[in-house]
PDB file of N, CA and C in Angstrom:
ATOM      1  N   MET A   1     -18.706  12.941 111.525  1.00  0.00           N
ATOM      2  CA  MET A   1     -19.978  13.167 110.872  1.00  0.00           C
ATOM      3  C   MET A   1     -19.882  12.688 109.426  1.00  0.00           C
ATOM      4  N   THR A   2     -20.905  11.990 108.998  1.00  0.00           N
ATOM      5  CA  THR A   2     -20.950  11.499 107.630  1.00  0.00           C
ATOM      6  C   THR A   2     -21.741  12.470 106.760  1.00  0.00           C
ATOM      7  N   PHE A   3     -21.199  12.754 105.588  1.00  0.00           N
ATOM      8  CA  PHE A   3     -21.842  13.622 104.611  1.00  0.00           C
ATOM      9  C   PHE A   3     -22.422  12.759 103.495  1.00  0.00           C
ATOM     10  N   HIS A   4     -23.418  13.278 102.824  1.00  0.00           N
ATOM     11  CA  HIS A   4     -24.024  12.598 101.673  1.00  0.00           C
ATOM     12  C   HIS A   4     -23.437  13.214 100.404  1.00  0.00           C
ATOM     13  N   VAL A   5     -22.875  12.373  99.556  1.00  0.00           N
ATOM     14  CA  VAL A   5     -22.230  12.834  98.326  1.00  0.00           C
ATOM     15  C   VAL A   5     -23.211  12.700  97.170  1.00  0.00           C
ATOM     16  N   HIS A   6     -23.371  13.795  96.425  1.00  0.00           N
ATOM     17  CA  HIS A   6     -24.265  13.820  95.262  1.00  0.00           C
ATOM     18  C   HIS A   6     -23.467  14.288  94.045  1.00  0.00           C
ATOM     19  N   ILE A   7     -23.551  13.526  92.982  1.00  0.00           N
ATOM     20  CA  ILE A   7     -22.892  13.908  91.731  1.00  0.00           C
ATOM     21  C   ILE A   7     -23.966  14.518  90.832  1.00  0.00           C
ATOM     22  N   ILE A   8     -23.849  15.829  90.585  1.00  0.00           N
ATOM     23  CA  ILE A   8     -24.876  16.482  89.781  1.00  0.00           C
ATOM     24  C   ILE A   8     -24.709  16.114  88.307  1.00  0.00           C
ATOM     25  N   ARG A   9     -25.696  16.456  87.526  1.00  0.00           N
ATOM     26  CA  ARG A   9     -25.763  16.048  86.105  1.00  0.00           C
ATOM     27  C   ARG A   9     -24.513  16.422  85.301  1.00  0.00           C
ATOM     28  N   ASP A  10     -24.015  17.647  85.471  1.00  0.00           N
ATOM     29  CA  ASP A  10     -22.823  18.058  84.719  1.00  0.00           C
ATOM     30  C   ASP A  10     -21.635  17.141  85.029  1.00  0.00           C
ATOM     31  N   ALA A  11     -21.468  16.791  86.288  1.00  0.00           N
ATOM     32  CA  ALA A  11     -20.356  15.916  86.673  1.00  0.00           C
ATOM     33  C   ALA A  11     -20.575  14.497  86.144  1.00  0.00           C
ATOM     34  N   GLU A  12     -21.818  14.036  86.129  1.00  0.00           N
ATOM     35  CA  GLU A  12     -22.108  12.733  85.527  1.00  0.00           C
ATOM     36  C   GLU A  12     -21.710  12.737  84.052  1.00  0.00           C
ATOM     37  N   ASP A  13     -22.040  13.831  83.362  1.00  0.00           N
ATOM     38  CA  ASP A  13     -21.648  13.957  81.958  1.00  0.00           C
ATOM     39  C   ASP A  13     -20.132  13.940  81.814  1.00  0.00           C
ATOM     40  N   ASP A  14     -19.429  14.617  82.735  1.00  0.00           N
ATOM     41  CA  ASP A  14     -17.964  14.612  82.702  1.00  0.00           C
ATOM     42  C   ASP A  14     -17.423  13.192  82.801  1.00  0.00           C
ATOM     43  N   ILE A  15     -17.977  12.416  83.745  1.00  0.00           N
ATOM     44  CA  ILE A  15     -17.520  11.031  83.922  1.00  0.00           C
ATOM     45  C   ILE A  15     -17.774  10.226  82.652  1.00  0.00           C
ATOM     46  N   PHE A  16     -18.936  10.391  82.061  1.00  0.00           N
ATOM     47  CA  PHE A  16     -19.264   9.680  80.824  1.00  0.00           C
ATOM     48  C   PHE A  16     -18.253  10.009  79.724  1.00  0.00           C
ATOM     49  N   HIS A  17     -17.929  11.302  79.569  1.00  0.00           N
ATOM     50  CA  HIS A  17     -16.994  11.710  78.516  1.00  0.00           C
ATOM     51  C   HIS A  17     -15.580  11.192  78.784  1.00  0.00           C
ATOM     52  N   ILE A  18     -15.175  11.184  80.027  1.00  0.00           N
ATOM     53  CA  ILE A  18     -13.852  10.638  80.384  1.00  0.00           C
ATOM     54  C   ILE A  18     -13.816   9.146  80.060  1.00  0.00           C
ATOM     55  N   TYR A  19     -14.839   8.422  80.485  1.00  0.00           N
ATOM     56  CA  TYR A  19     -14.916   6.980  80.225  1.00  0.00           C
ATOM     57  C   TYR A  19     -14.888   6.702  78.722  1.00  0.00           C
ATOM     58  N   ARG A  20     -15.700   7.431  77.997  1.00  0.00           N
ATOM     59  CA  ARG A  20     -15.780   7.219  76.544  1.00  0.00           C
ATOM     60  C   ARG A  20     -14.440   7.498  75.868  1.00  0.00           C
ATOM     61  N   TYR A  21     -13.804   8.604  76.248  1.00  0.00           N
ATOM     62  CA  TYR A  21     -12.521   8.961  75.647  1.00  0.00           C
ATOM     63  C   TYR A  21     -11.476   7.863  75.904  1.00  0.00           C
ATOM     64  N   ILE A  22     -11.385   7.417  77.151  1.00  0.00           N
ATOM     65  CA  ILE A  22     -10.381   6.391  77.476  1.00  0.00           C
ATOM     66  C   ILE A  22     -10.699   5.078  76.775  1.00  0.00           C
ATOM     67  N   SER A  23     -11.975   4.682  76.733  1.00  0.00           N
ATOM     68  CA  SER A  23     -12.316   3.414  76.095  1.00  0.00           C
ATOM     69  C   SER A  23     -12.047   3.445  74.590  1.00  0.00           C
ATOM     70  N   LEU A  24     -12.230   4.602  73.960  1.00  0.00           N
ATOM     71  CA  LEU A  24     -11.982   4.703  72.522  1.00  0.00           C
ATOM     72  C   LEU A  24     -10.500   4.863  72.182  1.00  0.00           C
ATOM     73  N   ASN A  25      -9.744   5.512  73.063  1.00  0.00           N
ATOM     74  CA  ASN A  25      -8.351   5.832  72.758  1.00  0.00           C
ATOM     75  C   ASN A  25      -7.336   4.972  73.497  1.00  0.00           C
ATOM     76  N   ASP A  26      -7.802   4.160  74.420  1.00  0.00           N
ATOM     77  CA  ASP A  26      -6.891   3.292  75.170  1.00  0.00           C
ATOM     78  C   ASP A  26      -7.528   1.906  75.258  1.00  0.00           C
ATOM     79  N   SER A  27      -8.263   1.649  76.352  1.00  0.00           N
ATOM     80  CA  SER A  27      -8.937   0.358  76.475  1.00  0.00           C
ATOM     81  C   SER A  27     -10.118   0.476  77.428  1.00  0.00           C
ATOM     82  N   ILE A  28     -11.038  -0.445  77.285  1.00  0.00           N
ATOM     83  CA  ILE A  28     -12.183  -0.475  78.188  1.00  0.00           C
ATOM     84  C   ILE A  28     -11.715  -0.788  79.604  1.00  0.00           C
ATOM     85  N   GLY A  29     -10.713  -1.642  79.732  1.00  0.00           N
ATOM     86  CA  GLY A  29     -10.181  -1.964  81.053  1.00  0.00           C
ATOM     87  C   GLY A  29      -9.660  -0.736  81.776  1.00  0.00           C
ATOM     88  N   ASN A  30      -8.912   0.101  81.067  1.00  0.00           N
ATOM     89  CA  ASN A  30      -8.407   1.332  81.689  1.00  0.00           C
ATOM     90  C   ASN A  30      -9.539   2.320  81.971  1.00  0.00           C
ATOM     91  N   ALA A  31     -10.529   2.359  81.097  1.00  0.00           N
ATOM     92  CA  ALA A  31     -11.686   3.226  81.330  1.00  0.00           C
ATOM     93  C   ALA A  31     -12.420   2.785  82.604  1.00  0.00           C
ATOM     94  N   GLU A  32     -12.584   1.483  82.782  1.00  0.00           N
ATOM     95  CA  GLU A  32     -13.229   0.953  83.994  1.00  0.00           C
ATOM     96  C   GLU A  32     -12.420   1.310  85.247  1.00  0.00           C
ATOM     97  N   TYR A  33     -11.104   1.160  85.155  1.00  0.00           N
ATOM     98  CA  TYR A  33     -10.220   1.482  86.285  1.00  0.00           C
ATOM     99  C   TYR A  33     -10.359   2.954  86.685  1.00  0.00           C
ATOM    100  N   VAL A  34     -10.290   3.847  85.715  1.00  0.00           N
ATOM    101  CA  VAL A  34     -10.388   5.281  85.994  1.00  0.00           C
ATOM    102  C   VAL A  34     -11.771   5.598  86.560  1.00  0.00           C
ATOM    103  N   PHE A  35     -12.819   5.011  85.985  1.00  0.00           N
ATOM    104  CA  PHE A  35     -14.173   5.230  86.493  1.00  0.00           C
ATOM    105  C   PHE A  35     -14.268   4.822  87.961  1.00  0.00           C
ATOM    106  N   GLU A  36     -13.760   3.637  88.297  1.00  0.00           N
ATOM    107  CA  GLU A  36     -13.805   3.156  89.682  1.00  0.00           C
ATOM    108  C   GLU A  36     -13.037   4.076  90.625  1.00  0.00           C
ATOM    109  N   LYS A  37     -11.852   4.516  90.211  1.00  0.00           N
ATOM    110  CA  LYS A  37     -11.035   5.384  91.065  1.00  0.00           C
ATOM    111  C   LYS A  37     -11.693   6.747  91.260  1.00  0.00           C
ATOM    112  N   ILE A  38     -12.287   7.288  90.226  1.00  0.00           N
ATOM    113  CA  ILE A  38     -13.000   8.560  90.366  1.00  0.00           C
ATOM    114  C   ILE A  38     -14.170   8.376  91.331  1.00  0.00           C
ATOM    115  N   GLN A  39     -14.913   7.285  91.181  1.00  0.00           N
ATOM    116  CA  GLN A  39     -16.046   7.010  92.068  1.00  0.00           C
ATOM    117  C   GLN A  39     -15.577   6.877  93.517  1.00  0.00           C
ATOM    118  N   GLN A  40     -14.488   6.157  93.752  1.00  0.00           N
ATOM    119  CA  GLN A  40     -13.952   6.004  95.109  1.00  0.00           C
ATOM    120  C   GLN A  40     -13.511   7.346  95.689  1.00  0.00           C
ATOM    121  N   THR A  41     -12.878   8.161  94.860  1.00  0.00           N
ATOM    122  CA  THR A  41     -12.422   9.473  95.318  1.00  0.00           C
ATOM    123  C   THR A  41     -13.620  10.347  95.692  1.00  0.00           C
ATOM    124  N   CYS A  42     -14.652  10.321  94.866  1.00  0.00           N
ATOM    125  CA  CYS A  42     -15.867  11.076  95.185  1.00  0.00           C
ATOM    126  C   CYS A  42     -16.503  10.558  96.476  1.00  0.00           C
ATOM    127  N   ASP A  43     -16.620   9.257  96.604  1.00  0.00           N
ATOM    128  CA  ASP A  43     -17.231   8.669  97.792  1.00  0.00           C
ATOM    129  C   ASP A  43     -16.452   8.999  99.060  1.00  0.00           C
ATOM    130  N   SER A  44     -15.137   9.162  98.938  1.00  0.00           N
ATOM    131  CA  SER A  44     -14.314   9.455 100.115  1.00  0.00           C
ATOM    132  C   SER A  44     -14.659  10.806 100.734  1.00  0.00           C
ATOM    133  N   LEU A  45     -15.327  11.659  99.976  1.00  0.00           N
ATOM    134  CA  LEU A  45     -15.727  12.962 100.509  1.00  0.00           C
ATOM    135  C   LEU A  45     -16.795  12.843 101.588  1.00  0.00           C
ATOM    136  N   SER A  46     -17.409  11.686 101.726  1.00  0.00           N
ATOM    137  CA  SER A  46     -18.431  11.513 102.758  1.00  0.00           C
ATOM    138  C   SER A  46     -17.833  11.578 104.161  1.00  0.00           C
ATOM    139  N   GLN A  47     -16.543  11.366 104.280  1.00  0.00           N
ATOM    140  CA  GLN A  47     -15.903  11.361 105.594  1.00  0.00           C
ATOM    141  C   GLN A  47     -15.243  12.675 105.977  1.00  0.00           C
ATOM    142  N   ASN A  48     -14.637  13.367 105.054  1.00  0.00           N
ATOM    143  CA  ASN A  48     -13.929  14.597 105.408  1.00  0.00           C
ATOM    144  C   ASN A  48     -13.865  15.544 104.210  1.00  0.00           C
ATOM    145  N   PRO A  49     -14.979  16.135 103.834  1.00  0.00           N
ATOM    146  CA  PRO A  49     -14.969  16.983 102.642  1.00  0.00           C
ATOM    147  C   PRO A  49     -14.161  18.272 102.803  1.00  0.00           C
ATOM    148  N   GLU A  50     -13.922  18.687 104.029  1.00  0.00           N
ATOM    149  CA  GLU A  50     -13.164  19.920 104.248  1.00  0.00           C
ATOM    150  C   GLU A  50     -11.697  19.781 103.860  1.00  0.00           C
ATOM    151  N   ARG A  51     -11.239  18.558 103.618  1.00  0.00           N
ATOM    152  CA  ARG A  51      -9.822  18.352 103.296  1.00  0.00           C
ATOM    153  C   ARG A  51      -9.420  18.914 101.937  1.00  0.00           C
ATOM    154  N   GLY A  52     -10.389  19.123 101.066  1.00  0.00           N
ATOM    155  CA  GLY A  52     -10.086  19.667  99.743  1.00  0.00           C
ATOM    156  C   GLY A  52      -9.607  21.101  99.838  1.00  0.00           C
ATOM    157  N   HIS A  53      -8.892  21.528  98.810  1.00  0.00           N
ATOM    158  CA  HIS A  53      -8.407  22.914  98.780  1.00  0.00           C
ATOM    159  C   HIS A  53      -9.211  23.709  97.750  1.00  0.00           C
ATOM    160  N   TYR A  54      -9.080  25.024  97.835  1.00  0.00           N
ATOM    161  CA  TYR A  54      -9.776  25.897  96.898  1.00  0.00           C
ATOM    162  C   TYR A  54      -9.108  25.814  95.532  1.00  0.00           C
ATOM    163  N   PRO A  55      -9.884  25.675  94.456  1.00  0.00           N
ATOM    164  CA  PRO A  55      -9.281  25.699  93.123  1.00  0.00           C
ATOM    165  C   PRO A  55      -8.597  27.049  92.910  1.00  0.00           C
ATOM    166  N   PRO A  56      -7.309  27.064  92.556  1.00  0.00           N
ATOM    167  CA  PRO A  56      -6.574  28.326  92.418  1.00  0.00           C
ATOM    168  C   PRO A  56      -7.235  29.317  91.469  1.00  0.00           C
ATOM    169  N   GLU A  57      -7.835  28.808  90.390  1.00  0.00           N
ATOM    170  CA  GLU A  57      -8.473  29.694  89.409  1.00  0.00           C
ATOM    171  C   GLU A  57      -9.628  30.469  90.032  1.00  0.00           C
ATOM    172  N   LEU A  58     -10.328  29.838  90.968  1.00  0.00           N
ATOM    173  CA  LEU A  58     -11.447  30.503  91.624  1.00  0.00           C
ATOM    174  C   LEU A  58     -10.983  31.319  92.829  1.00  0.00           C
ATOM    175  N   GLU A  59     -10.018  30.801  93.543  1.00  0.00           N
ATOM    176  CA  GLU A  59      -9.498  31.515  94.712  1.00  0.00           C
ATOM    177  C   GLU A  59      -8.945  32.877  94.319  1.00  0.00           C
ATOM    178  N   GLN A  60      -8.299  32.957  93.160  1.00  0.00           N
ATOM    179  CA  GLN A  60      -7.732  34.226  92.678  1.00  0.00           C
ATOM    180  C   GLN A  60      -8.809  35.282  92.468  1.00  0.00           C
ATOM    181  N   THR A  61     -10.019  34.852  92.197  1.00  0.00           N
ATOM    182  CA  THR A  61     -11.102  35.803  91.977  1.00  0.00           C
ATOM    183  C   THR A  61     -11.972  35.965  93.224  1.00  0.00           C
ATOM    184  N   GLY A  62     -11.541  35.385  94.339  1.00  0.00           N
ATOM    185  CA  GLY A  62     -12.251  35.541  95.607  1.00  0.00           C
ATOM    186  C   GLY A  62     -13.422  34.596  95.803  1.00  0.00           C
ATOM    187  N   ILE A  63     -13.544  33.582  94.962  1.00  0.00           N
ATOM    188  CA  ILE A  63     -14.638  32.612  95.086  1.00  0.00           C
ATOM    189  C   ILE A  63     -14.132  31.455  95.945  1.00  0.00           C
ATOM    190  N   LEU A  64     -14.695  31.347  97.145  1.00  0.00           N
ATOM    191  CA  LEU A  64     -14.201  30.362  98.106  1.00  0.00           C
ATOM    192  C   LEU A  64     -15.270  29.353  98.521  1.00  0.00           C
ATOM    193  N   GLU A  65     -16.323  29.218  97.740  1.00  0.00           N
ATOM    194  CA  GLU A  65     -17.355  28.260  98.114  1.00  0.00           C
ATOM    195  C   GLU A  65     -17.104  26.870  97.534  1.00  0.00           C
ATOM    196  N   TYR A  66     -16.159  26.754  96.621  1.00  0.00           N
ATOM    197  CA  TYR A  66     -15.858  25.473  95.994  1.00  0.00           C
ATOM    198  C   TYR A  66     -14.504  24.966  96.462  1.00  0.00           C
ATOM    199  N   ARG A  67     -14.396  23.649  96.504  1.00  0.00           N
ATOM    200  CA  ARG A  67     -13.134  22.986  96.850  1.00  0.00           C
ATOM    201  C   ARG A  67     -12.847  21.942  95.775  1.00  0.00           C
ATOM    202  N   GLU A  68     -11.635  21.394  95.849  1.00  0.00           N
ATOM    203  CA  GLU A  68     -11.309  20.331  94.908  1.00  0.00           C
ATOM    204  C   GLU A  68     -10.414  19.297  95.564  1.00  0.00           C
ATOM    205  N   ILE A  69     -10.548  18.073  95.071  1.00  0.00           N
ATOM    206  CA  ILE A  69      -9.616  16.996  95.372  1.00  0.00           C
ATOM    207  C   ILE A  69      -9.227  16.399  94.020  1.00  0.00           C
ATOM    208  N   HIS A  70      -8.242  15.515  94.042  1.00  0.00           N
ATOM    209  CA  HIS A  70      -7.700  15.006  92.785  1.00  0.00           C
ATOM    210  C   HIS A  70      -7.645  13.482  92.751  1.00  0.00           C
ATOM    211  N   PHE A  71      -7.901  12.955  91.598  1.00  0.00           N
ATOM    212  CA  PHE A  71      -7.431  11.646  91.181  1.00  0.00           C
ATOM    213  C   PHE A  71      -6.689  11.957  89.891  1.00  0.00           C
ATOM    214  N   LYS A  72      -5.375  12.085  89.994  1.00  0.00           N
ATOM    215  CA  LYS A  72      -4.536  12.619  88.920  1.00  0.00           C
ATOM    216  C   LYS A  72      -4.827  11.939  87.606  1.00  0.00           C
ATOM    217  N   PRO A  73      -4.968  12.678  86.531  1.00  0.00           N
ATOM    218  CA  PRO A  73      -4.889  14.127  86.411  1.00  0.00           C
ATOM    219  C   PRO A  73      -6.244  14.816  86.594  1.00  0.00           C
ATOM    220  N   TYR A  74      -7.244  14.093  87.102  1.00  0.00           N
ATOM    221  CA  TYR A  74      -8.597  14.634  87.163  1.00  0.00           C
ATOM    222  C   TYR A  74      -8.827  15.449  88.431  1.00  0.00           C
ATOM    223  N   ARG A  75      -9.528  16.546  88.259  1.00  0.00           N
ATOM    224  CA  ARG A  75      -9.873  17.447  89.359  1.00  0.00           C
ATOM    225  C   ARG A  75     -11.363  17.315  89.622  1.00  0.00           C
ATOM    226  N   ILE A  76     -11.700  17.065  90.866  1.00  0.00           N
ATOM    227  CA  ILE A  76     -13.089  16.906  91.272  1.00  0.00           C
ATOM    228  C   ILE A  76     -13.467  18.162  92.047  1.00  0.00           C
ATOM    229  N   ILE A  77     -14.356  18.966  91.474  1.00  0.00           N
ATOM    230  CA  ILE A  77     -14.748  20.258  92.036  1.00  0.00           C
ATOM    231  C   ILE A  77     -16.112  20.089  92.716  1.00  0.00           C
ATOM    232  N   TYR A  78     -16.199  20.534  93.966  1.00  0.00           N
ATOM    233  CA  TYR A  78     -17.417  20.339  94.738  1.00  0.00           C
ATOM    234  C   TYR A  78     -17.622  21.473  95.727  1.00  0.00           C
ATOM    235  N   ASN A  79     -18.816  21.503  96.307  1.00  0.00           N
ATOM    236  CA  ASN A  79     -19.056  22.400  97.428  1.00  0.00           C
ATOM    237  C   ASN A  79     -19.797  21.633  98.514  1.00  0.00           C
ATOM    238  N   ILE A  80     -19.763  22.183  99.711  1.00  0.00           N
ATOM    239  CA  ILE A  80     -20.403  21.568 100.862  1.00  0.00           C
ATOM    240  C   ILE A  80     -21.619  22.418 101.215  1.00  0.00           C
ATOM    241  N   ALA A  81     -22.775  21.771 101.329  1.00  0.00           N
ATOM    242  CA  ALA A  81     -24.015  22.456 101.690  1.00  0.00           C
ATOM    243  C   ALA A  81     -24.650  21.680 102.840  1.00  0.00           C
ATOM    244  N   GLY A  82     -24.412  22.151 104.048  1.00  0.00           N
ATOM    245  CA  GLY A  82     -24.905  21.426 105.216  1.00  0.00           C
ATOM    246  C   GLY A  82     -24.197  20.100 105.331  1.00  0.00           C
ATOM    247  N   ARG A  83     -24.958  19.010 105.284  1.00  0.00           N
ATOM    248  CA  ARG A  83     -24.371  17.664 105.347  1.00  0.00           C
ATOM    249  C   ARG A  83     -24.294  17.006 103.974  1.00  0.00           C
ATOM    250  N   ASP A  84     -24.448  17.819 102.923  1.00  0.00           N
ATOM    251  CA  ASP A  84     -24.363  17.316 101.555  1.00  0.00           C
ATOM    252  C   ASP A  84     -23.106  17.833 100.876  1.00  0.00           C
ATOM    253  N   VAL A  85     -22.514  16.979 100.073  1.00  0.00           N
ATOM    254  CA  VAL A  85     -21.394  17.349  99.219  1.00  0.00           C
ATOM    255  C   VAL A  85     -21.909  17.249  97.792  1.00  0.00           C
ATOM    256  N   LEU A  86     -21.848  18.360  97.072  1.00  0.00           N
ATOM    257  CA  LEU A  86     -22.341  18.411  95.698  1.00  0.00           C
ATOM    258  C   LEU A  86     -21.164  18.485  94.744  1.00  0.00           C
ATOM    259  N   ILE A  87     -20.977  17.445  93.964  1.00  0.00           N
ATOM    260  CA  ILE A  87     -19.885  17.406  92.995  1.00  0.00           C
ATOM    261  C   ILE A  87     -20.382  18.028  91.703  1.00  0.00           C
ATOM    262  N   HIS A  88     -19.692  19.098  91.282  1.00  0.00           N
ATOM    263  CA  HIS A  88     -20.125  19.872  90.124  1.00  0.00           C
ATOM    264  C   HIS A  88     -19.364  19.534  88.849  1.00  0.00           C
ATOM    265  N   CYS A  89     -18.077  19.221  88.974  1.00  0.00           N
ATOM    266  CA  CYS A  89     -17.236  18.999  87.789  1.00  0.00           C
ATOM    267  C   CYS A  89     -16.210  17.918  88.085  1.00  0.00           C
ATOM    268  N   ILE A  90     -15.900  17.151  87.066  1.00  0.00           N
ATOM    269  CA  ILE A  90     -14.767  16.232  87.102  1.00  0.00           C
ATOM    270  C   ILE A  90     -14.035  16.483  85.795  1.00  0.00           C
ATOM    271  N   LEU A  91     -12.892  17.166  85.904  1.00  0.00           N
ATOM    272  CA  LEU A  91     -12.225  17.709  84.731  1.00  0.00           C
ATOM    273  C   LEU A  91     -10.776  17.275  84.647  1.00  0.00           C
ATOM    274  N   ASP A  92     -10.281  17.200  83.442  1.00  0.00           N
ATOM    275  CA  ASP A  92      -8.879  16.876  83.214  1.00  0.00           C
ATOM    276  C   ASP A  92      -8.024  18.075  83.595  1.00  0.00           C
ATOM    277  N   GLY A  93      -7.174  17.919  84.585  1.00  0.00           N
ATOM    278  CA  GLY A  93      -6.345  18.999  85.093  1.00  0.00           C
ATOM    279  C   GLY A  93      -5.286  19.481  84.126  1.00  0.00           C
ATOM    280  N   ARG A  94      -5.101  18.792  83.013  1.00  0.00           N
ATOM    281  CA  ARG A  94      -4.109  19.233  82.026  1.00  0.00           C
ATOM    282  C   ARG A  94      -4.664  20.322  81.116  1.00  0.00           C
ATOM    283  N   ARG A  95      -5.952  20.586  81.243  1.00  0.00           N
ATOM    284  CA  ARG A  95      -6.587  21.630  80.421  1.00  0.00           C
ATOM    285  C   ARG A  95      -6.529  22.968  81.146  1.00  0.00           C
ATOM    286  N   ASP A  96      -6.647  24.040  80.384  1.00  0.00           N
ATOM    287  CA  ASP A  96      -6.766  25.370  80.969  1.00  0.00           C
ATOM    288  C   ASP A  96      -8.212  25.503  81.439  1.00  0.00           C
ATOM    289  N   LEU A  97      -8.387  25.618  82.736  1.00  0.00           N
ATOM    290  CA  LEU A  97      -9.724  25.519  83.281  1.00  0.00           C
ATOM    291  C   LEU A  97     -10.328  26.829  83.773  1.00  0.00           C
ATOM    292  N   GLN A  98      -9.597  27.913  83.717  1.00  0.00           N
ATOM    293  CA  GLN A  98     -10.091  29.183  84.254  1.00  0.00           C
ATOM    294  C   GLN A  98     -11.471  29.527  83.702  1.00  0.00           C
ATOM    295  N   GLU A  99     -11.590  29.643  82.416  1.00  0.00           N
ATOM    296  CA  GLU A  99     -12.854  30.046  81.799  1.00  0.00           C
ATOM    297  C   GLU A  99     -13.938  28.993  81.999  1.00  0.00           C
ATOM    298  N   LEU A 100     -13.573  27.731  81.855  1.00  0.00           N
ATOM    299  CA  LEU A 100     -14.540  26.667  82.007  1.00  0.00           C
ATOM    300  C   LEU A 100     -15.129  26.649  83.423  1.00  0.00           C
ATOM    301  N   LEU A 101     -14.288  26.771  84.431  1.00  0.00           N
ATOM    302  CA  LEU A 101     -14.774  26.773  85.808  1.00  0.00           C
ATOM    303  C   LEU A 101     -15.691  27.965  86.065  1.00  0.00           C
ATOM    304  N   GLU A 102     -15.283  29.121  85.636  1.00  0.00           N
ATOM    305  CA  GLU A 102     -16.106  30.298  85.856  1.00  0.00           C
ATOM    306  C   GLU A 102     -17.453  30.165  85.153  1.00  0.00           C
ATOM    307  N   ARG A 103     -17.430  29.703  83.916  1.00  0.00           N
ATOM    308  CA  ARG A 103     -18.654  29.580  83.139  1.00  0.00           C
ATOM    309  C   ARG A 103     -19.582  28.531  83.765  1.00  0.00           C
ATOM    310  N   ARG A 104     -19.013  27.416  84.162  1.00  0.00           N
ATOM    311  CA  ARG A 104     -19.822  26.323  84.657  1.00  0.00           C
ATOM    312  C   ARG A 104     -20.332  26.560  86.079  1.00  0.00           C
ATOM    313  N   LEU A 105     -19.502  27.089  86.935  1.00  0.00           N
ATOM    314  CA  LEU A 105     -19.879  27.212  88.336  1.00  0.00           C
ATOM    315  C   LEU A 105     -20.600  28.506  88.664  1.00  0.00           C
ATOM    316  N   LEU A 106     -20.449  29.513  87.818  1.00  0.00           N
ATOM    317  CA  LEU A 106     -21.051  30.804  88.129  1.00  0.00           C
ATOM    318  C   LEU A 106     -22.305  31.103  87.329  1.00  0.00           C
ATOM    319  N   ARG A 107     -22.790  30.143  86.564  1.00  0.00           N
ATOM    320  CA  ARG A 107     -23.993  30.403  85.756  1.00  0.00           C
ATOM    321  C   ARG A 107     -25.223  30.492  86.594  1.00  0.00           C
TER     322      ARG A 107
END
């Protein structure tokens, strides 16, 4: 079964900030590469979104509606709603994400 992948506004903003940071601090070429890989990783959820695991920060609090996959070091946080996959966050996994995830996903 094919799922439809949707990147919500917050996740679009995340991608923009990641791209901007890499282009300013490294190179536009590397920013393009990371953007493409993140896009491919998100698109891959159309085939098997259940393969993602529960984000540990949320699982510890009993929240099991969100899953994540990775394009290292980035964490792609999403949920499945029927035949739709909604991508909520694309975050740098090197950051402490407990508070950010709770604030962003539980609002």
